[in-house]
Amino acid sequence: RRRKREPEERAHAGLFLSCQAPIEIPGVSNTDFMRMSYNAKRKAKGEPELDPLEFYSYLMPKLRQLNMDPSFLGRNVNEGFSGGEKKRNEILQLAVLEAEMALLDEIDSGLDVDALRDVAAAVNGLKRPNAGLLMITHYKRLLDLIEPDIIHIVQDGKVIKTGDKSLSSILEDEGFTAFQKA
């Protein structure tokens, strides 16, 4: 029987979860939060921690890659952020932690058209071989911007159909009835 891993063990192993509604962490700056998270992962792998200046040198290219304003770094985690800022901040965390498997739960939720494009471009820029990405969405518009390899249609907690991107068009046009067994 496999033992359940604690959340931090899962994170150290390379799992990243982006929540639909990220929480605010008052009093903790983004820089400190990401440095502590990154260093915890390094420590778990037996690697030395980065001091604040080393981490800043590591972080800045990630920030530029995602076209994010450096002022994000001094702000408290998600405190007073718009929906788009929260999603961008989560994608920055994903970039910093270089997860092996990312679960993105409705990263398109609450985003306007411009923010959706920015977040999709950031996710596309982070895709790499040997790293998994599972996205949960209710809308085809995200799949028009982030090309999926496989789509699973889920209804009532069960996968009812698996296929390529064309499934999203069928679902949008015809609804779940298109996948009901005759």
C-alpha atoms as a PDB file:
ATOM      1  CA  ARG A   1       0.000   0.000   0.000  1.00  0.00           C
ATOM      2  CA  ARG A   2       1.325   3.406  -0.952  1.00  0.00           C
ATOM      3  CA  ARG A   3       1.467   6.031   1.722  1.00  0.00           C
ATOM      4  CA  LYS A   4      -0.088   9.407   1.127  1.00  0.00           C
ATOM      5  CA  ARG A   5       2.394  12.174   0.567  1.00  0.00           C
ATOM      6  CA  GLU A   6       2.150  15.470   2.370  1.00  0.00           C
ATOM      7  CA  PRO A   7       1.495  18.494   0.115  1.00  0.00           C
ATOM      8  CA  GLU A   8       5.053  19.771   0.496  1.00  0.00           C
ATOM      9  CA  GLU A   9       6.427  16.349  -0.506  1.00  0.00           C
ATOM     10  CA  ARG A  10       4.301  16.462  -3.645  1.00  0.00           C
ATOM     11  CA  ALA A  11       5.542  19.963  -4.419  1.00  0.00           C
ATOM     12  CA  HIS A  12       9.165  18.927  -3.878  1.00  0.00           C
ATOM     13  CA  ALA A  13       8.596  16.038  -6.296  1.00  0.00           C
ATOM     14  CA  GLY A  14       7.541  18.533  -8.969  1.00  0.00           C
ATOM     15  CA  LEU A  15       3.755  18.851  -8.675  1.00  0.00           C
ATOM     16  CA  PHE A  16       2.248  22.329  -9.052  1.00  0.00           C
ATOM     17  CA  LEU A  17      -1.395  23.251  -8.488  1.00  0.00           C
ATOM     18  CA  SER A  18      -2.864  26.514  -9.707  1.00  0.00           C
ATOM     19  CA  CYS A  19      -6.157  27.130  -7.948  1.00  0.00           C
ATOM     20  CA  GLN A  20      -9.260  28.565  -9.556  1.00  0.00           C
ATOM     21  CA  ALA A  21      -9.408  31.227  -6.838  1.00  0.00           C
ATOM     22  CA  PRO A  22      -5.886  31.793  -5.427  1.00  0.00           C
ATOM     23  CA  ILE A  23      -5.832  32.950  -1.816  1.00  0.00           C
ATOM     24  CA  GLU A  24      -4.272  36.142  -0.505  1.00  0.00           C
ATOM     25  CA  ILE A  25      -1.336  35.883   1.897  1.00  0.00           C
ATOM     26  CA  PRO A  26      -1.158  39.221   3.734  1.00  0.00           C
ATOM     27  CA  GLY A  27       2.273  40.257   4.959  1.00  0.00           C
ATOM     28  CA  VAL A  28       4.231  37.921   2.645  1.00  0.00           C
ATOM     29  CA  SER A  29       5.788  39.487  -0.441  1.00  0.00           C
ATOM     30  CA  ASN A  30       5.782  37.612  -3.725  1.00  0.00           C
ATOM     31  CA  THR A  31       9.570  37.611  -3.757  1.00  0.00           C
ATOM     32  CA  ASP A  32       9.806  36.072  -0.283  1.00  0.00           C
ATOM     33  CA  PHE A  33       7.062  33.535  -1.011  1.00  0.00           C
ATOM     34  CA  MET A  34       8.672  32.374  -4.244  1.00  0.00           C
ATOM     35  CA  ARG A  35      12.188  32.328  -2.784  1.00  0.00           C
ATOM     36  CA  MET A  36      11.047  30.265   0.206  1.00  0.00           C
ATOM     37  CA  SER A  37       9.140  27.872  -2.072  1.00  0.00           C
ATOM     38  CA  TYR A  38      12.044  27.546  -4.491  1.00  0.00           C
ATOM     39  CA  ASN A  39      14.584  27.053  -1.708  1.00  0.00           C
ATOM     40  CA  ALA A  40      12.404  24.436   0.007  1.00  0.00           C
ATOM     41  CA  LYS A  41      12.389  22.475  -3.243  1.00  0.00           C
ATOM     42  CA  ARG A  42      16.174  22.850  -3.615  1.00  0.00           C
ATOM     43  CA  LYS A  43      16.752  21.795  -0.015  1.00  0.00           C
ATOM     44  CA  ALA A  44      14.575  18.687  -0.497  1.00  0.00           C
ATOM     45  CA  LYS A  45      16.794  17.733  -3.455  1.00  0.00           C
ATOM     46  CA  GLY A  46      19.960  18.240  -1.391  1.00  0.00           C
ATOM     47  CA  GLU A  47      20.913  21.424  -3.251  1.00  0.00           C
ATOM     48  CA  PRO A  48      22.092  24.616  -1.563  1.00  0.00           C
ATOM     49  CA  GLU A  49      19.571  27.389  -1.048  1.00  0.00           C
ATOM     50  CA  LEU A  50      19.873  30.627  -3.004  1.00  0.00           C
ATOM     51  CA  ASP A  51      20.423  33.830  -1.059  1.00  0.00           C
ATOM     52  CA  PRO A  52      18.168  36.795  -1.913  1.00  0.00           C
ATOM     53  CA  LEU A  53      20.539  38.222  -4.537  1.00  0.00           C
ATOM     54  CA  GLU A  54      21.088  34.863  -6.234  1.00  0.00           C
ATOM     55  CA  PHE A  55      17.352  34.267  -6.263  1.00  0.00           C
ATOM     56  CA  TYR A  56      16.700  37.722  -7.713  1.00  0.00           C
ATOM     57  CA  SER A  57      19.110  36.882 -10.558  1.00  0.00           C
ATOM     58  CA  TYR A  58      17.195  33.638 -11.125  1.00  0.00           C
ATOM     59  CA  LEU A  59      13.783  35.323 -10.886  1.00  0.00           C
ATOM     60  CA  MET A  60      14.239  38.342 -13.171  1.00  0.00           C
ATOM     61  CA  PRO A  61      14.544  36.389 -16.460  1.00  0.00           C
ATOM     62  CA  LYS A  62      11.349  34.506 -15.525  1.00  0.00           C
ATOM     63  CA  LEU A  63       9.577  37.804 -14.932  1.00  0.00           C
ATOM     64  CA  ARG A  64      10.751  39.145 -18.303  1.00  0.00           C
ATOM     65  CA  GLN A  65       9.786  35.895 -20.060  1.00  0.00           C
ATOM     66  CA  LEU A  66       6.237  36.351 -18.796  1.00  0.00           C
ATOM     67  CA  ASN A  67       6.238  40.087 -19.589  1.00  0.00           C
ATOM     68  CA  MET A  68       5.363  40.953 -15.994  1.00  0.00           C
ATOM     69  CA  ASP A  69       5.929  44.219 -14.183  1.00  0.00           C
ATOM     70  CA  PRO A  70       8.686  43.957 -11.533  1.00  0.00           C
ATOM     71  CA  SER A  71       6.393  45.783  -9.080  1.00  0.00           C
ATOM     72  CA  PHE A  72       4.631  42.416  -8.613  1.00  0.00           C
ATOM     73  CA  LEU A  73       7.595  41.231  -6.594  1.00  0.00           C
ATOM     74  CA  GLY A  74       7.182  43.729  -3.762  1.00  0.00           C
ATOM     75  CA  ARG A  75       3.454  43.203  -3.439  1.00  0.00           C
ATOM     76  CA  ASN A  76       1.988  40.744  -0.953  1.00  0.00           C
ATOM     77  CA  VAL A  77       0.889  37.429  -2.445  1.00  0.00           C
ATOM     78  CA  ASN A  78      -2.384  38.059  -4.319  1.00  0.00           C
ATOM     79  CA  GLU A  79      -3.380  40.829  -1.890  1.00  0.00           C
ATOM     80  CA  GLY A  80      -5.565  43.323  -3.746  1.00  0.00           C
ATOM     81  CA  PHE A  81      -4.783  41.648  -7.076  1.00  0.00           C
ATOM     82  CA  SER A  82      -7.255  41.623  -9.938  1.00  0.00           C
ATOM     83  CA  GLY A  83      -8.303  38.237 -11.308  1.00  0.00           C
ATOM     84  CA  GLY A  84      -5.807  38.568 -14.149  1.00  0.00           C
ATOM     85  CA  GLU A  85      -2.983  39.552 -11.807  1.00  0.00           C
ATOM     86  CA  LYS A  86      -3.671  36.522  -9.613  1.00  0.00           C
ATOM     87  CA  LYS A  87      -3.515  34.198 -12.625  1.00  0.00           C
ATOM     88  CA  ARG A  88      -0.313  35.813 -13.923  1.00  0.00           C
ATOM     89  CA  ASN A  89       1.184  35.498 -10.451  1.00  0.00           C
ATOM     90  CA  GLU A  90       0.361  31.777 -10.377  1.00  0.00           C
ATOM     91  CA  ILE A  91       1.992  31.304 -13.781  1.00  0.00           C
ATOM     92  CA  LEU A  92       5.083  33.142 -12.489  1.00  0.00           C
ATOM     93  CA  GLN A  93       5.183  30.712  -9.550  1.00  0.00           C
ATOM     94  CA  LEU A  94       4.942  27.830 -12.019  1.00  0.00           C
ATOM     95  CA  ALA A  95       7.844  29.284 -14.004  1.00  0.00           C
ATOM     96  CA  VAL A  96       9.970  29.721 -10.885  1.00  0.00           C
ATOM     97  CA  LEU A  97       9.320  26.218  -9.554  1.00  0.00           C
ATOM     98  CA  GLU A  98       9.755  24.522 -12.968  1.00  0.00           C
ATOM     99  CA  ALA A  99       7.210  21.858 -12.097  1.00  0.00           C
ATOM    100  CA  GLU A 100       7.284  18.412 -13.662  1.00  0.00           C
ATOM    101  CA  MET A 101       3.481  18.252 -13.584  1.00  0.00           C
ATOM    102  CA  ALA A 102       1.230  21.308 -13.442  1.00  0.00           C
ATOM    103  CA  LEU A 103      -2.493  21.213 -12.725  1.00  0.00           C
ATOM    104  CA  LEU A 104      -4.109  24.454 -13.854  1.00  0.00           C
ATOM    105  CA  ASP A 105      -7.646  24.660 -12.502  1.00  0.00           C
ATOM    106  CA  GLU A 106      -9.689  27.093 -14.588  1.00  0.00           C
ATOM    107  CA  ILE A 107      -6.867  29.535 -15.258  1.00  0.00           C
ATOM    108  CA  ASP A 108      -9.258  31.252 -17.655  1.00  0.00           C
ATOM    109  CA  SER A 109     -11.874  31.908 -14.964  1.00  0.00           C
ATOM    110  CA  GLY A 110     -12.665  35.594 -14.557  1.00  0.00           C
ATOM    111  CA  LEU A 111     -10.200  36.800 -17.178  1.00  0.00           C
ATOM    112  CA  ASP A 112     -10.958  39.422 -19.784  1.00  0.00           C
ATOM    113  CA  VAL A 113      -9.841  38.828 -23.376  1.00  0.00           C
ATOM    114  CA  ASP A 114      -6.454  40.570 -22.965  1.00  0.00           C
ATOM    115  CA  ALA A 115      -5.608  38.851 -19.682  1.00  0.00           C
ATOM    116  CA  LEU A 116      -6.579  35.485 -21.186  1.00  0.00           C
ATOM    117  CA  ARG A 117      -4.201  36.043 -24.103  1.00  0.00           C
ATOM    118  CA  ASP A 118      -1.391  37.060 -21.737  1.00  0.00           C
ATOM    119  CA  VAL A 119      -1.884  34.038 -19.477  1.00  0.00           C
ATOM    120  CA  ALA A 120      -2.136  31.664 -22.459  1.00  0.00           C
ATOM    121  CA  ALA A 121       1.047  33.100 -23.982  1.00  0.00           C
ATOM    122  CA  ALA A 122       2.815  32.641 -20.648  1.00  0.00           C
ATOM    123  CA  VAL A 123       1.665  29.024 -20.343  1.00  0.00           C
ATOM    124  CA  ASN A 124       2.704  28.305 -23.939  1.00  0.00           C
ATOM    125  CA  GLY A 125       6.124  29.785 -23.169  1.00  0.00           C
ATOM    126  CA  LEU A 126       6.529  27.400 -20.241  1.00  0.00           C
ATOM    127  CA  LYS A 127       5.658  24.194 -22.100  1.00  0.00           C
ATOM    128  CA  ARG A 128       8.615  21.847 -22.339  1.00  0.00           C
ATOM    129  CA  PRO A 129       9.344  18.208 -23.128  1.00  0.00           C
ATOM    130  CA  ASN A 130       9.003  15.749 -20.257  1.00  0.00           C
ATOM    131  CA  ALA A 131       6.739  18.058 -18.262  1.00  0.00           C
ATOM    132  CA  GLY A 132       3.014  17.474 -17.955  1.00  0.00           C
ATOM    133  CA  LEU A 133       0.262  20.043 -18.036  1.00  0.00           C
ATOM    134  CA  LEU A 134      -3.334  19.296 -17.093  1.00  0.00           C
ATOM    135  CA  MET A 135      -5.784  22.140 -17.645  1.00  0.00           C
ATOM    136  CA  ILE A 136      -9.339  22.219 -16.394  1.00  0.00           C
ATOM    137  CA  THR A 137     -11.632  24.570 -18.288  1.00  0.00           C
ATOM    138  CA  HIS A 138     -15.267  25.014 -19.189  1.00  0.00           C
ATOM    139  CA  TYR A 139     -14.553  27.062 -22.294  1.00  0.00           C
ATOM    140  CA  LYS A 140     -13.138  26.384 -25.738  1.00  0.00           C
ATOM    141  CA  ARG A 141     -11.559  29.842 -25.905  1.00  0.00           C
ATOM    142  CA  LEU A 142      -8.646  28.690 -23.727  1.00  0.00           C
ATOM    143  CA  LEU A 143      -8.039  25.696 -25.997  1.00  0.00           C
ATOM    144  CA  ASP A 144      -7.890  28.030 -28.994  1.00  0.00           C
ATOM    145  CA  LEU A 145      -4.896  29.713 -27.343  1.00  0.00           C
ATOM    146  CA  ILE A 146      -3.168  26.742 -25.672  1.00  0.00           C
ATOM    147  CA  GLU A 147      -3.075  23.768 -28.035  1.00  0.00           C
ATOM    148  CA  PRO A 148      -3.931  20.567 -26.144  1.00  0.00           C
ATOM    149  CA  ASP A 149      -2.507  17.148 -27.037  1.00  0.00           C
ATOM    150  CA  ILE A 150      -5.527  15.292 -25.667  1.00  0.00           C
ATOM    151  CA  ILE A 151      -8.947  16.352 -24.432  1.00  0.00           C
ATOM    152  CA  HIS A 152     -11.010  14.477 -21.878  1.00  0.00           C
ATOM    153  CA  ILE A 153     -14.669  15.439 -21.583  1.00  0.00           C
ATOM    154  CA  VAL A 154     -15.749  14.989 -17.961  1.00  0.00           C
ATOM    155  CA  GLN A 155     -19.337  14.882 -16.776  1.00  0.00           C
ATOM    156  CA  ASP A 156     -20.449  14.111 -13.234  1.00  0.00           C
ATOM    157  CA  GLY A 157     -16.857  13.297 -12.292  1.00  0.00           C
ATOM    158  CA  LYS A 158     -16.372  10.691 -15.031  1.00  0.00           C
ATOM    159  CA  VAL A 159     -14.480  10.818 -18.314  1.00  0.00           C
ATOM    160  CA  ILE A 160     -17.144  10.290 -20.969  1.00  0.00           C
ATOM    161  CA  LYS A 161     -15.056  10.938 -24.098  1.00  0.00           C
ATOM    162  CA  THR A 162     -11.379  11.272 -24.994  1.00  0.00           C
ATOM    163  CA  GLY A 163     -10.016  12.667 -28.219  1.00  0.00           C
ATOM    164  CA  ASP A 164      -8.366  15.616 -29.909  1.00  0.00           C
ATOM    165  CA  LYS A 165      -9.125  19.340 -29.896  1.00  0.00           C
ATOM    166  CA  SER A 166     -12.152  18.843 -32.153  1.00  0.00           C
ATOM    167  CA  LEU A 167     -14.076  17.555 -29.127  1.00  0.00           C
ATOM    168  CA  SER A 168     -14.107  21.056 -27.666  1.00  0.00           C
ATOM    169  CA  SER A 169     -15.948  22.400 -30.726  1.00  0.00           C
ATOM    170  CA  ILE A 170     -18.500  19.593 -30.577  1.00  0.00           C
ATOM    171  CA  LEU A 171     -19.060  20.225 -26.870  1.00  0.00           C
ATOM    172  CA  GLU A 172     -19.468  23.958 -27.383  1.00  0.00           C
ATOM    173  CA  ASP A 173     -21.851  23.543 -30.337  1.00  0.00           C
ATOM    174  CA  GLU A 174     -23.951  20.611 -29.114  1.00  0.00           C
ATOM    175  CA  GLY A 175     -23.375  20.346 -25.367  1.00  0.00           C
ATOM    176  CA  PHE A 176     -22.931  17.134 -23.396  1.00  0.00           C
ATOM    177  CA  THR A 177     -25.784  15.452 -25.269  1.00  0.00           C
ATOM    178  CA  ALA A 178     -23.384  14.956 -28.191  1.00  0.00           C
ATOM    179  CA  PHE A 179     -21.490  12.451 -26.041  1.00  0.00           C
ATOM    180  CA  GLN A 180     -24.416  10.577 -24.515  1.00  0.00           C
ATOM    181  CA  LYS A 181     -24.631   6.896 -25.352  1.00  0.00           C
ATOM    182  CA  ALA A 182     -27.564   6.064 -27.611  1.00  0.00           C
END
